[in-house]
Amino acid sequence: MAVTVKASLGKEKYYTEVIAGENTLITDEPIDKGGQNKGFNPFEILATSLASCTAATLRMYIDRKEWDIEKINVEVELENFPLTKRAVFKRDITFEGTNLDEEQMKRLRTIADACPIHKILTNEIEILTKFS
């Protein structure tokens, strides 16, 4: 499955409009980096991808199993270490309105790791760039 997004940045530092199909979002940099903090910064978008994909993947599984879980909360903290070329994602998943047993929790841990974004981030990544 391929997706295409287009980011456009004019002269307004670093206000960027990103379009995917019919959806638009704004990214920006924090004020201390010269931006205006009008949207998520790129690191937040990356962490958002993992958090939202994890939540959706868990919800699909939970609904298929017909488990009564009111709410899924996924918090992702991303730490980037450019000098060592390492990044660490810390993912904290909680559930509201349910009493899950140990076996259900074990299964949900496996399902969380099956999220497509988790798989992408833990596989080999290649970036091909061209200038037109």
Protein backbone atom coordinates (compact mmCIF):
# COMPACT_ATOMS: atom_id res chain seq x y z
CA MET A 1 0.00 0.00 0.00
CA ALA A 2 1.45 3.33 -1.03
CA VAL A 3 0.39 6.70 0.30
CA THR A 4 1.36 10.08 -1.06
CA VAL A 5 1.56 13.30 0.89
CA LYS A 6 2.61 16.71 -0.35
CA ALA A 7 4.19 19.30 1.92
CA SER A 8 4.34 22.93 0.81
CA LEU A 9 6.33 25.58 2.65
CA GLY A 10 6.35 29.20 1.57
CA LYS A 11 8.23 32.11 3.12
CA GLU A 12 6.46 31.94 6.49
CA LYS A 13 8.93 30.09 8.72
CA TYR A 14 8.21 27.03 9.15
CA TYR A 15 4.49 26.90 8.53
CA THR A 16 3.95 23.90 6.27
CA GLU A 17 0.71 22.70 4.71
CA VAL A 18 0.59 18.96 4.23
CA ILE A 19 -2.03 17.39 1.97
CA ALA A 20 -2.97 13.71 1.77
CA GLY A 21 -5.91 13.09 -0.52
CA GLU A 22 -8.70 15.36 0.71
CA ASN A 23 -7.14 15.95 4.14
CA THR A 24 -4.89 18.82 5.18
CA LEU A 25 -2.84 19.39 8.29
CA ILE A 26 -0.39 22.04 9.37
CA THR A 27 3.10 21.43 10.69
CA ASP A 28 5.36 24.03 12.19
CA GLU A 29 8.37 24.38 14.44
CA PRO A 30 8.31 25.58 18.03
CA ILE A 31 8.95 29.26 18.69
CA ASP A 32 12.40 28.49 20.14
CA LYS A 33 13.34 26.92 16.77
CA GLY A 34 12.17 29.95 14.76
CA GLY A 35 8.65 28.74 14.02
CA GLN A 36 5.31 29.98 15.26
CA ASN A 37 4.11 26.74 16.91
CA LYS A 38 0.95 26.69 14.75
CA GLY A 39 0.97 22.91 14.32
CA PHE A 40 2.69 19.69 15.23
CA ASN A 41 6.43 19.57 14.58
CA PRO A 42 7.79 16.69 12.45
CA PHE A 43 8.86 14.65 15.50
CA GLU A 44 5.37 14.97 16.96
CA ILE A 45 3.89 13.81 13.65
CA LEU A 46 6.13 10.74 13.70
CA ALA A 47 5.12 9.89 17.28
CA THR A 48 1.47 10.60 16.36
CA SER A 49 1.67 8.02 13.58
CA LEU A 50 2.71 5.31 16.02
CA ALA A 51 0.18 6.34 18.70
CA SER A 52 -2.82 6.60 16.39
CA CYS A 53 -1.99 3.43 14.44
CA THR A 54 -1.56 1.48 17.69
CA ALA A 55 -4.90 2.70 19.01
CA ALA A 56 -6.73 1.89 15.75
CA THR A 57 -5.13 -1.56 15.47
CA LEU A 58 -6.08 -2.39 19.06
CA ARG A 59 -9.65 -1.09 18.53
CA MET A 60 -10.10 -3.28 15.43
CA TYR A 61 -8.98 -6.36 17.34
CA ILE A 62 -11.02 -5.52 20.45
CA ASP A 63 -14.15 -4.94 18.36
CA ARG A 64 -13.64 -8.21 16.49
CA LYS A 65 -13.33 -10.06 19.81
CA GLU A 66 -16.36 -8.14 21.13
CA TRP A 67 -14.51 -7.16 24.30
CA ASP A 68 -16.11 -4.32 26.24
CA ILE A 69 -13.40 -1.67 26.39
CA GLU A 70 -14.62 1.89 26.63
CA LYS A 71 -11.44 3.74 25.72
CA ILE A 72 -7.88 3.06 24.55
CA ASN A 73 -5.17 5.58 25.47
CA VAL A 74 -1.79 5.44 23.75
CA GLU A 75 0.95 7.85 24.78
CA VAL A 76 4.17 7.87 22.77
CA GLU A 77 7.34 9.66 23.79
CA LEU A 78 10.02 9.96 21.11
CA GLU A 79 13.60 10.64 22.05
CA ASN A 80 16.03 11.29 19.23
CA PHE A 81 19.78 10.88 19.67
CA PRO A 82 21.31 12.22 16.43
CA LEU A 83 24.93 11.74 17.53
CA THR A 84 24.43 7.99 17.97
CA LYS A 85 21.87 7.74 15.13
CA ARG A 86 19.39 6.22 17.55
CA ALA A 87 15.77 6.98 18.33
CA VAL A 88 13.73 5.54 21.20
CA PHE A 89 9.94 5.35 21.16
CA LYS A 90 8.36 4.80 24.58
CA ARG A 91 4.77 3.64 24.18
CA ASP A 92 2.38 3.55 27.15
CA ILE A 93 -1.01 1.90 26.52
CA THR A 94 -3.90 2.03 28.98
CA PHE A 95 -7.52 0.95 28.79
CA GLU A 96 -10.54 2.56 30.45
CA GLY A 97 -13.85 0.99 31.37
CA THR A 98 -12.72 -2.63 31.46
CA ASN A 99 -11.18 -5.37 33.55
CA LEU A 100 -8.82 -7.30 31.30
CA ASP A 101 -7.33 -10.56 32.46
CA GLU A 102 -3.67 -11.52 32.04
CA GLU A 103 -4.28 -13.54 28.88
CA GLN A 104 -6.16 -10.66 27.21
CA MET A 105 -3.38 -8.23 28.11
CA LYS A 106 -0.77 -10.61 26.69
CA ARG A 107 -2.71 -10.82 23.43
CA LEU A 108 -3.12 -7.03 23.24
CA ARG A 109 0.65 -6.57 23.64
CA THR A 110 1.15 -8.76 20.57
CA ILE A 111 -1.54 -6.88 18.64
CA ALA A 112 0.02 -3.50 19.51
CA ASP A 113 3.29 -4.67 17.94
CA ALA A 114 1.36 -5.75 14.84
CA CYS A 115 0.37 -2.15 14.10
CA PRO A 116 1.56 -1.30 10.56
CA ILE A 117 3.50 1.78 11.69
CA HIS A 118 5.26 -0.24 14.40
CA LYS A 119 6.26 -2.74 11.71
CA ILE A 120 7.57 0.02 9.42
CA LEU A 121 9.59 1.61 12.21
CA THR A 122 11.17 -1.71 13.20
CA ASN A 123 11.96 -2.83 9.63
CA GLU A 124 14.71 -1.65 7.35
CA ILE A 125 13.90 1.80 5.95
CA GLU A 126 15.11 3.21 2.66
CA ILE A 127 14.56 6.78 1.49
CA LEU A 128 14.92 7.50 -2.22
CA THR A 129 15.16 11.21 -3.06
CA LYS A 130 15.01 13.04 -6.37
CA PHE A 131 14.93 16.72 -7.18
CA SER A 132 12.68 17.83 -10.04
